[in-house]
Amino acid sequence: MKSPGAFLLALGLLFSGPSVAKDSVLIAAAADLKSCLDKIVVAFKQEHRDAAVDVSYGSSGNFSAQIHQNAPFDLFFSADIDYPRALAADGFAGSAVVPYAVGRIVLWSATLDASKLALSDLDRVDITRVAIANPQHAPYGKRAQEALRASGMWDKVQPKLVLGENIAQTAQFVQSGNAQVGIIALSLARSPELAQKGGYSLIPDSLHTALDQAFILTRHGADNALARSFADYVQSAPARKVMIESGFSLPGDAKGSAN
């Protein structure tokens, strides 16, 4: 007869051993992906009905810092390829760095006709607040800063700036009236929530560094089969179609869909 200790040890191995399959995935994703990735998750779960797919949206820089501190994310979808590259270099990646999209920035407003706005209009007296994401940790905010500098508008607009924690909060500032104009992601301007509330104009991509976006499986998620399945699905034709419809260009696609 086995001792109680041997029985408890065997029971522990049964429920905590490496053979237990994971059926959940935790994803950290840049805020510009909210509408797009939500659709992809819904489609993915049609094929994995018992899977739990949880997505947290925020700034790429903040997520990168959290993953460096061993936050339990399985996948990281960054708005700037440099963040997953740095994580990979530091040993926090469980896969290669995979480019998945190229983003664009736009001028967006819920109260003005943004389709007729250019960066040079941002010093108008009737525009007293301009929202951008924080350039310190939000890639879209960094590109907004670059575009304002390249167009000679940074010094004029800086006193008017309202900084969002991420690009989604930046859009909320404009939507709520706390800023008349925002520099936000094209993908958000095209989202169902914002498309019916305001218009936009593209900012020339010659004014800023390309928004090359990429993802990694993290070191934490390297052995998560569901995370790998989701990573594969994001690169599938249906998911790429959603990306294009959301306003992203695909890596290597010079034409893109930003028009």
C-alpha atoms as a PDB file:
ATOM      1  CA  MET A   1       0.000   0.000   0.000  1.00  0.00           C
ATOM      2  CA  LYS A   2       1.323   3.418  -0.958  1.00  0.00           C
ATOM      3  CA  SER A   3       1.931   5.967   1.758  1.00  0.00           C
ATOM      4  CA  PRO A   4      -0.268   9.134   1.866  1.00  0.00           C
ATOM      5  CA  GLY A   5       2.792  11.168   0.930  1.00  0.00           C
ATOM      6  CA  ALA A   6       3.410   9.111  -2.218  1.00  0.00           C
ATOM      7  CA  PHE A   7      -0.260   9.447  -3.168  1.00  0.00           C
ATOM      8  CA  LEU A   8      -0.209  13.233  -2.765  1.00  0.00           C
ATOM      9  CA  LEU A   9       3.002  13.449  -4.789  1.00  0.00           C
ATOM     10  CA  ALA A  10       1.444  11.458  -7.617  1.00  0.00           C
ATOM     11  CA  LEU A  11      -1.693  13.616  -7.481  1.00  0.00           C
ATOM     12  CA  GLY A  12       0.417  16.755  -7.665  1.00  0.00           C
ATOM     13  CA  LEU A  13       2.263  15.486 -10.710  1.00  0.00           C
ATOM     14  CA  LEU A  14      -1.019  14.624 -12.389  1.00  0.00           C
ATOM     15  CA  PHE A  15      -2.373  18.159 -12.152  1.00  0.00           C
ATOM     16  CA  SER A  16       0.771  20.256 -12.380  1.00  0.00           C
ATOM     17  CA  GLY A  17       3.043  18.258 -14.689  1.00  0.00           C
ATOM     18  CA  PRO A  18       4.193  19.471 -18.108  1.00  0.00           C
ATOM     19  CA  SER A  19       1.685  17.257 -19.907  1.00  0.00           C
ATOM     20  CA  VAL A  20      -1.255  19.468 -18.848  1.00  0.00           C
ATOM     21  CA  ALA A  21      -2.408  21.321 -21.962  1.00  0.00           C
ATOM     22  CA  LYS A  22      -2.928  25.065 -21.899  1.00  0.00           C
ATOM     23  CA  ASP A  23      -6.271  26.275 -23.253  1.00  0.00           C
ATOM     24  CA  SER A  24      -5.859  29.974 -22.610  1.00  0.00           C
ATOM     25  CA  VAL A  25      -3.682  32.741 -23.991  1.00  0.00           C
ATOM     26  CA  LEU A  26      -2.947  36.205 -22.604  1.00  0.00           C
ATOM     27  CA  ILE A  27      -2.042  38.821 -25.199  1.00  0.00           C
ATOM     28  CA  ALA A  28      -0.501  42.272 -24.788  1.00  0.00           C
ATOM     29  CA  ALA A  29      -1.392  44.414 -27.795  1.00  0.00           C
ATOM     30  CA  ALA A  30      -0.797  47.975 -28.917  1.00  0.00           C
ATOM     31  CA  ALA A  31      -3.931  50.106 -28.569  1.00  0.00           C
ATOM     32  CA  ASP A  32      -4.112  50.824 -32.316  1.00  0.00           C
ATOM     33  CA  LEU A  33      -5.112  47.165 -32.797  1.00  0.00           C
ATOM     34  CA  LYS A  34      -8.264  47.266 -30.655  1.00  0.00           C
ATOM     35  CA  SER A  35     -10.946  47.069 -33.337  1.00  0.00           C
ATOM     36  CA  CYS A  36      -8.837  44.966 -35.689  1.00  0.00           C
ATOM     37  CA  LEU A  37      -7.597  42.379 -33.204  1.00  0.00           C
ATOM     38  CA  ASP A  38     -10.996  42.029 -31.571  1.00  0.00           C
ATOM     39  CA  LYS A  39     -12.368  40.850 -34.929  1.00  0.00           C
ATOM     40  CA  ILE A  40      -9.466  38.452 -35.401  1.00  0.00           C
ATOM     41  CA  VAL A  41     -10.013  36.973 -31.936  1.00  0.00           C
ATOM     42  CA  VAL A  42     -13.705  36.376 -32.685  1.00  0.00           C
ATOM     43  CA  ALA A  43     -12.819  34.568 -35.914  1.00  0.00           C
ATOM     44  CA  PHE A  44     -10.083  32.551 -34.209  1.00  0.00           C
ATOM     45  CA  LYS A  45     -12.473  31.383 -31.496  1.00  0.00           C
ATOM     46  CA  GLN A  46     -14.818  30.004 -34.141  1.00  0.00           C
ATOM     47  CA  GLU A  47     -12.127  27.382 -34.676  1.00  0.00           C
ATOM     48  CA  HIS A  48     -11.135  27.103 -30.992  1.00  0.00           C
ATOM     49  CA  ARG A  49     -14.468  27.306 -29.199  1.00  0.00           C
ATOM     50  CA  ASP A  50     -13.207  26.243 -25.784  1.00  0.00           C
ATOM     51  CA  ALA A  51     -10.219  28.566 -25.825  1.00  0.00           C
ATOM     52  CA  ALA A  52      -9.901  31.593 -23.562  1.00  0.00           C
ATOM     53  CA  VAL A  53      -8.226  34.465 -25.421  1.00  0.00           C
ATOM     54  CA  ASP A  54      -7.713  37.563 -23.292  1.00  0.00           C
ATOM     55  CA  VAL A  55      -6.253  40.737 -24.789  1.00  0.00           C
ATOM     56  CA  SER A  56      -4.931  43.741 -22.875  1.00  0.00           C
ATOM     57  CA  TYR A  57      -4.520  46.927 -24.921  1.00  0.00           C
ATOM     58  CA  GLY A  58      -2.105  49.712 -24.101  1.00  0.00           C
ATOM     59  CA  SER A  59       1.153  51.353 -25.096  1.00  0.00           C
ATOM     60  CA  SER A  60       3.880  49.203 -26.598  1.00  0.00           C
ATOM     61  CA  GLY A  61       6.570  50.755 -24.424  1.00  0.00           C
ATOM     62  CA  ASN A  62       4.714  50.022 -21.201  1.00  0.00           C
ATOM     63  CA  PHE A  63       4.028  46.423 -22.231  1.00  0.00           C
ATOM     64  CA  SER A  64       7.663  45.954 -23.174  1.00  0.00           C
ATOM     65  CA  ALA A  65       8.723  47.146 -19.721  1.00  0.00           C
ATOM     66  CA  GLN A  66       6.228  44.772 -18.090  1.00  0.00           C
ATOM     67  CA  ILE A  67       7.484  41.798 -20.096  1.00  0.00           C
ATOM     68  CA  HIS A  68      11.026  42.704 -19.075  1.00  0.00           C
ATOM     69  CA  GLN A  69       9.703  42.312 -15.515  1.00  0.00           C
ATOM     70  CA  ASN A  70       8.314  38.837 -16.372  1.00  0.00           C
ATOM     71  CA  ALA A  71       4.658  39.807 -16.803  1.00  0.00           C
ATOM     72  CA  PRO A  72       2.785  36.614 -17.809  1.00  0.00           C
ATOM     73  CA  PHE A  73       1.863  37.588 -21.370  1.00  0.00           C
ATOM     74  CA  ASP A  74       2.065  34.830 -23.971  1.00  0.00           C
ATOM     75  CA  LEU A  75       2.088  37.102 -27.036  1.00  0.00           C
ATOM     76  CA  PHE A  76       3.118  40.704 -27.556  1.00  0.00           C
ATOM     77  CA  PHE A  77       1.803  42.684 -30.535  1.00  0.00           C
ATOM     78  CA  SER A  78       3.805  45.894 -30.692  1.00  0.00           C
ATOM     79  CA  ALA A  79       3.172  49.040 -32.711  1.00  0.00           C
ATOM     80  CA  ASP A  80       6.942  49.409 -33.108  1.00  0.00           C
ATOM     81  CA  ILE A  81       9.172  46.533 -34.202  1.00  0.00           C
ATOM     82  CA  ASP A  82      12.015  47.853 -32.036  1.00  0.00           C
ATOM     83  CA  TYR A  83      10.314  46.753 -28.805  1.00  0.00           C
ATOM     84  CA  PRO A  84      10.031  43.039 -29.654  1.00  0.00           C
ATOM     85  CA  ARG A  85      13.516  43.165 -31.151  1.00  0.00           C
ATOM     86  CA  ALA A  86      14.855  44.476 -27.856  1.00  0.00           C
ATOM     87  CA  LEU A  87      12.957  41.814 -25.915  1.00  0.00           C
ATOM     88  CA  ALA A  88      14.389  39.125 -28.187  1.00  0.00           C
ATOM     89  CA  ALA A  89      17.908  40.492 -27.727  1.00  0.00           C
ATOM     90  CA  ASP A  90      17.437  40.395 -23.955  1.00  0.00           C
ATOM     91  CA  GLY A  91      16.204  36.795 -23.947  1.00  0.00           C
ATOM     92  CA  PHE A  92      12.496  37.453 -23.352  1.00  0.00           C
ATOM     93  CA  ALA A  93      11.217  36.114 -26.687  1.00  0.00           C
ATOM     94  CA  GLY A  94      10.038  32.587 -27.388  1.00  0.00           C
ATOM     95  CA  SER A  95       9.938  33.033 -31.152  1.00  0.00           C
ATOM     96  CA  ALA A  96      11.383  35.063 -33.965  1.00  0.00           C
ATOM     97  CA  VAL A  97      10.242  38.671 -34.353  1.00  0.00           C
ATOM     98  CA  VAL A  98       7.388  38.598 -36.896  1.00  0.00           C
ATOM     99  CA  PRO A  99       6.350  41.785 -38.774  1.00  0.00           C
ATOM    100  CA  TYR A 100       2.571  41.830 -39.213  1.00  0.00           C
ATOM    101  CA  ALA A 101       1.528  45.337 -40.316  1.00  0.00           C
ATOM    102  CA  VAL A 102       2.550  48.890 -41.149  1.00  0.00           C
ATOM    103  CA  GLY A 103       0.539  51.677 -39.521  1.00  0.00           C
ATOM    104  CA  ARG A 104      -0.245  55.273 -40.487  1.00  0.00           C
ATOM    105  CA  ILE A 105      -1.021  58.397 -38.509  1.00  0.00           C
ATOM    106  CA  VAL A 106      -3.836  60.823 -39.275  1.00  0.00           C
ATOM    107  CA  LEU A 107      -5.312  64.074 -38.074  1.00  0.00           C
ATOM    108  CA  TRP A 108      -8.728  63.290 -36.557  1.00  0.00           C
ATOM    109  CA  SER A 109     -11.445  65.505 -35.145  1.00  0.00           C
ATOM    110  CA  ALA A 110     -15.000  65.062 -33.934  1.00  0.00           C
ATOM    111  CA  THR A 111     -15.844  68.770 -34.214  1.00  0.00           C
ATOM    112  CA  LEU A 112     -13.849  70.085 -37.193  1.00  0.00           C
ATOM    113  CA  ASP A 113     -13.713  68.896 -40.794  1.00  0.00           C
ATOM    114  CA  ALA A 114     -10.452  67.038 -40.432  1.00  0.00           C
ATOM    115  CA  SER A 115     -10.478  65.985 -44.074  1.00  0.00           C
ATOM    116  CA  LYS A 116      -9.454  69.567 -44.869  1.00  0.00           C
ATOM    117  CA  LEU A 117      -6.855  69.892 -42.120  1.00  0.00           C
ATOM    118  CA  ALA A 118      -3.071  69.771 -42.444  1.00  0.00           C
ATOM    119  CA  LEU A 119      -0.401  69.928 -39.772  1.00  0.00           C
ATOM    120  CA  SER A 120       0.096  73.598 -40.609  1.00  0.00           C
ATOM    121  CA  ASP A 121      -3.447  74.311 -39.369  1.00  0.00           C
ATOM    122  CA  LEU A 122      -2.684  73.210 -35.830  1.00  0.00           C
ATOM    123  CA  ASP A 123      -1.494  76.677 -34.783  1.00  0.00           C
ATOM    124  CA  ARG A 124      -4.897  78.206 -35.598  1.00  0.00           C
ATOM    125  CA  VAL A 125      -6.348  80.241 -32.725  1.00  0.00           C
ATOM    126  CA  ASP A 126      -9.542  78.179 -32.687  1.00  0.00           C
ATOM    127  CA  ILE A 127      -7.501  75.017 -32.063  1.00  0.00           C
ATOM    128  CA  THR A 128      -6.424  75.279 -28.434  1.00  0.00           C
ATOM    129  CA  ARG A 129      -5.773  71.616 -27.611  1.00  0.00           C
ATOM    130  CA  VAL A 130      -4.065  68.970 -29.759  1.00  0.00           C
ATOM    131  CA  ALA A 131      -3.892  65.385 -28.508  1.00  0.00           C
ATOM    132  CA  ILE A 132      -1.064  62.971 -29.225  1.00  0.00           C
ATOM    133  CA  ALA A 133       0.052  59.813 -27.461  1.00  0.00           C
ATOM    134  CA  ASN A 134       2.991  60.156 -25.097  1.00  0.00           C
ATOM    135  CA  PRO A 135       6.109  59.953 -27.306  1.00  0.00           C
ATOM    136  CA  GLN A 136       8.118  58.482 -24.432  1.00  0.00           C
ATOM    137  CA  HIS A 137       6.476  55.058 -24.675  1.00  0.00           C
ATOM    138  CA  ALA A 138       3.795  55.132 -27.402  1.00  0.00           C
ATOM    139  CA  PRO A 139       5.056  54.561 -30.971  1.00  0.00           C
ATOM    140  CA  TYR A 140       2.210  56.548 -32.531  1.00  0.00           C
ATOM    141  CA  GLY A 141       3.014  59.449 -30.241  1.00  0.00           C
ATOM    142  CA  LYS A 142       6.664  59.268 -31.237  1.00  0.00           C
ATOM    143  CA  ARG A 143       5.714  59.372 -34.923  1.00  0.00           C
ATOM    144  CA  ALA A 144       3.381  62.306 -34.269  1.00  0.00           C
ATOM    145  CA  GLN A 145       6.267  64.162 -32.650  1.00  0.00           C
ATOM    146  CA  GLU A 146       8.527  63.339 -35.598  1.00  0.00           C
ATOM    147  CA  ALA A 147       5.927  64.602 -38.086  1.00  0.00           C
ATOM    148  CA  LEU A 148       5.404  67.831 -36.158  1.00  0.00           C
ATOM    149  CA  ARG A 149       9.142  68.429 -36.011  1.00  0.00           C
ATOM    150  CA  ALA A 150       9.648  67.621 -39.700  1.00  0.00           C
ATOM    151  CA  SER A 151       6.853  70.016 -40.689  1.00  0.00           C
ATOM    152  CA  GLY A 152       8.238  72.814 -38.514  1.00  0.00           C
ATOM    153  CA  MET A 153       5.163  72.775 -36.259  1.00  0.00           C
ATOM    154  CA  TRP A 154       6.525  71.245 -33.067  1.00  0.00           C
ATOM    155  CA  ASP A 155       7.435  74.477 -31.274  1.00  0.00           C
ATOM    156  CA  LYS A 156       4.101  76.057 -32.245  1.00  0.00           C
ATOM    157  CA  VAL A 157       1.973  73.112 -31.211  1.00  0.00           C
ATOM    158  CA  GLN A 158       3.838  71.940 -28.113  1.00  0.00           C
ATOM    159  CA  PRO A 159       2.076  74.399 -25.743  1.00  0.00           C
ATOM    160  CA  LYS A 160      -1.273  73.006 -26.933  1.00  0.00           C
ATOM    161  CA  LEU A 161      -0.439  69.354 -26.471  1.00  0.00           C
ATOM    162  CA  VAL A 162      -2.506  66.946 -24.415  1.00  0.00           C
ATOM    163  CA  LEU A 163      -0.721  63.618 -23.973  1.00  0.00           C
ATOM    164  CA  GLY A 164      -2.578  60.329 -23.929  1.00  0.00           C
ATOM    165  CA  GLU A 165      -1.182  57.287 -22.157  1.00  0.00           C
ATOM    166  CA  ASN A 166      -1.699  55.398 -25.419  1.00  0.00           C
ATOM    167  CA  ILE A 167      -3.251  56.048 -28.818  1.00  0.00           C
ATOM    168  CA  ALA A 168      -6.718  54.899 -27.710  1.00  0.00           C
ATOM    169  CA  GLN A 169      -6.768  57.395 -24.842  1.00  0.00           C
ATOM    170  CA  THR A 170      -5.556  60.054 -27.264  1.00  0.00           C
ATOM    171  CA  ALA A 171      -8.594  59.425 -29.452  1.00  0.00           C
ATOM    172  CA  GLN A 172     -10.820  59.578 -26.374  1.00  0.00           C
ATOM    173  CA  PHE A 173      -9.488  63.050 -25.544  1.00  0.00           C
ATOM    174  CA  VAL A 174     -10.654  64.286 -28.940  1.00  0.00           C
ATOM    175  CA  GLN A 175     -13.917  62.370 -28.841  1.00  0.00           C
ATOM    176  CA  SER A 176     -14.785  63.841 -25.438  1.00  0.00           C
ATOM    177  CA  GLY A 177     -13.948  67.413 -26.471  1.00  0.00           C
ATOM    178  CA  ASN A 178     -10.822  67.745 -24.337  1.00  0.00           C
ATOM    179  CA  ALA A 179      -8.938  68.430 -27.573  1.00  0.00           C
ATOM    180  CA  GLN A 180     -10.214  69.730 -30.907  1.00  0.00           C
ATOM    181  CA  VAL A 181      -7.800  67.639 -32.962  1.00  0.00           C
ATOM    182  CA  GLY A 182      -5.740  64.538 -32.382  1.00  0.00           C
ATOM    183  CA  ILE A 183      -2.977  62.730 -34.203  1.00  0.00           C
ATOM    184  CA  ILE A 184      -4.133  59.132 -33.983  1.00  0.00           C
ATOM    185  CA  ALA A 185      -3.818  55.789 -35.753  1.00  0.00           C
ATOM    186  CA  LEU A 186      -5.594  55.357 -39.070  1.00  0.00           C
ATOM    187  CA  SER A 187      -6.890  52.031 -37.759  1.00  0.00           C
ATOM    188  CA  LEU A 188      -8.718  53.855 -34.947  1.00  0.00           C
ATOM    189  CA  ALA A 189     -10.063  56.567 -37.253  1.00  0.00           C
ATOM    190  CA  ARG A 190     -11.538  53.800 -39.402  1.00  0.00           C
ATOM    191  CA  SER A 191     -12.968  51.846 -36.483  1.00  0.00           C
ATOM    192  CA  PRO A 192     -16.780  51.651 -36.271  1.00  0.00           C
ATOM    193  CA  GLU A 193     -16.771  53.668 -33.050  1.00  0.00           C
ATOM    194  CA  LEU A 194     -14.870  56.666 -34.445  1.00  0.00           C
ATOM    195  CA  ALA A 195     -15.693  56.560 -38.149  1.00  0.00           C
ATOM    196  CA  GLN A 196     -19.231  57.775 -37.506  1.00  0.00           C
ATOM    197  CA  LYS A 197     -18.136  60.534 -35.139  1.00  0.00           C
ATOM    198  CA  GLY A 198     -15.449  62.352 -37.091  1.00  0.00           C
ATOM    199  CA  GLY A 199     -13.254  62.558 -40.161  1.00  0.00           C
ATOM    200  CA  TYR A 200      -9.547  62.346 -40.807  1.00  0.00           C
ATOM    201  CA  SER A 201      -6.728  63.305 -43.146  1.00  0.00           C
ATOM    202  CA  LEU A 202      -3.587  61.263 -43.664  1.00  0.00           C
ATOM    203  CA  ILE A 203      -0.284  62.681 -42.495  1.00  0.00           C
ATOM    204  CA  PRO A 204       2.403  62.097 -45.147  1.00  0.00           C
ATOM    205  CA  ASP A 205       4.494  59.115 -44.120  1.00  0.00           C
ATOM    206  CA  SER A 206       7.561  60.922 -45.460  1.00  0.00           C
ATOM    207  CA  LEU A 207       7.427  63.045 -42.290  1.00  0.00           C
ATOM    208  CA  HIS A 208       8.087  60.221 -39.861  1.00  0.00           C
ATOM    209  CA  THR A 209       9.805  56.889 -39.373  1.00  0.00           C
ATOM    210  CA  ALA A 210       7.791  53.976 -40.704  1.00  0.00           C
ATOM    211  CA  LEU A 211       5.402  52.374 -38.213  1.00  0.00           C
ATOM    212  CA  ASP A 212       6.619  48.833 -38.756  1.00  0.00           C
ATOM    213  CA  GLN A 213       4.654  46.662 -36.338  1.00  0.00           C
ATOM    214  CA  ALA A 214       5.680  43.194 -35.171  1.00  0.00           C
ATOM    215  CA  PHE A 215       4.837  40.482 -32.663  1.00  0.00           C
ATOM    216  CA  ILE A 216       6.619  37.800 -30.666  1.00  0.00           C
ATOM    217  CA  LEU A 217       5.699  34.846 -28.573  1.00  0.00           C
ATOM    218  CA  THR A 218       7.202  35.748 -25.232  1.00  0.00           C
ATOM    219  CA  ARG A 219       9.499  33.490 -23.266  1.00  0.00           C
ATOM    220  CA  HIS A 220       6.519  32.844 -20.965  1.00  0.00           C
ATOM    221  CA  GLY A 221       4.341  31.761 -23.903  1.00  0.00           C
ATOM    222  CA  ALA A 222       6.925  29.723 -25.787  1.00  0.00           C
ATOM    223  CA  ASP A 223       5.366  26.389 -24.803  1.00  0.00           C
ATOM    224  CA  ASN A 224       1.742  27.532 -25.076  1.00  0.00           C
ATOM    225  CA  ALA A 225       0.245  25.629 -28.026  1.00  0.00           C
ATOM    226  CA  LEU A 226      -2.789  27.919 -28.181  1.00  0.00           C
ATOM    227  CA  ALA A 227      -0.553  30.992 -28.352  1.00  0.00           C
ATOM    228  CA  ARG A 228       1.336  29.436 -31.258  1.00  0.00           C
ATOM    229  CA  SER A 229      -1.957  28.645 -32.987  1.00  0.00           C
ATOM    230  CA  PHE A 230      -3.068  32.258 -32.582  1.00  0.00           C
ATOM    231  CA  ALA A 231       0.277  33.508 -33.910  1.00  0.00           C
ATOM    232  CA  ASP A 232      -0.212  31.307 -36.985  1.00  0.00           C
ATOM    233  CA  TYR A 233      -3.781  32.531 -37.449  1.00  0.00           C
ATOM    234  CA  VAL A 234      -2.721  36.201 -37.396  1.00  0.00           C
ATOM    235  CA  GLN A 235      -0.577  35.438 -40.445  1.00  0.00           C
ATOM    236  CA  SER A 236      -3.411  33.693 -42.310  1.00  0.00           C
ATOM    237  CA  ALA A 237      -5.280  35.164 -45.271  1.00  0.00           C
ATOM    238  CA  PRO A 238      -8.511  35.920 -43.315  1.00  0.00           C
ATOM    239  CA  ALA A 239      -6.628  37.760 -40.586  1.00  0.00           C
ATOM    240  CA  ARG A 240      -4.516  39.698 -43.069  1.00  0.00           C
ATOM    241  CA  LYS A 241      -7.725  40.745 -44.836  1.00  0.00           C
ATOM    242  CA  VAL A 242      -9.009  42.199 -41.564  1.00  0.00           C
ATOM    243  CA  MET A 243      -5.720  44.072 -41.145  1.00  0.00           C
ATOM    244  CA  ILE A 244      -6.058  45.661 -44.580  1.00  0.00           C
ATOM    245  CA  GLU A 245      -9.710  46.572 -44.032  1.00  0.00           C
ATOM    246  CA  SER A 246      -8.708  48.237 -40.762  1.00  0.00           C
ATOM    247  CA  GLY A 247      -6.298  50.574 -42.525  1.00  0.00           C
ATOM    248  CA  PHE A 248      -2.998  48.750 -42.138  1.00  0.00           C
ATOM    249  CA  SER A 249      -0.555  47.954 -44.897  1.00  0.00           C
ATOM    250  CA  LEU A 250       1.047  44.538 -44.917  1.00  0.00           C
ATOM    251  CA  PRO A 251       4.829  44.220 -44.524  1.00  0.00           C
ATOM    252  CA  GLY A 252       6.494  44.641 -47.913  1.00  0.00           C
ATOM    253  CA  ASP A 253       3.351  46.092 -49.478  1.00  0.00           C
ATOM    254  CA  ALA A 254       4.326  49.454 -50.915  1.00  0.00           C
ATOM    255  CA  LYS A 255       0.749  50.347 -51.835  1.00  0.00           C
ATOM    256  CA  GLY A 256      -0.925  49.448 -48.576  1.00  0.00           C
ATOM    257  CA  SER A 257      -4.505  50.480 -47.893  1.00  0.00           C
ATOM    258  CA  ALA A 258      -4.086  53.884 -46.316  1.00  0.00           C
ATOM    259  CA  ASN A 259      -6.269  55.946 -48.585  1.00  0.00           C
END
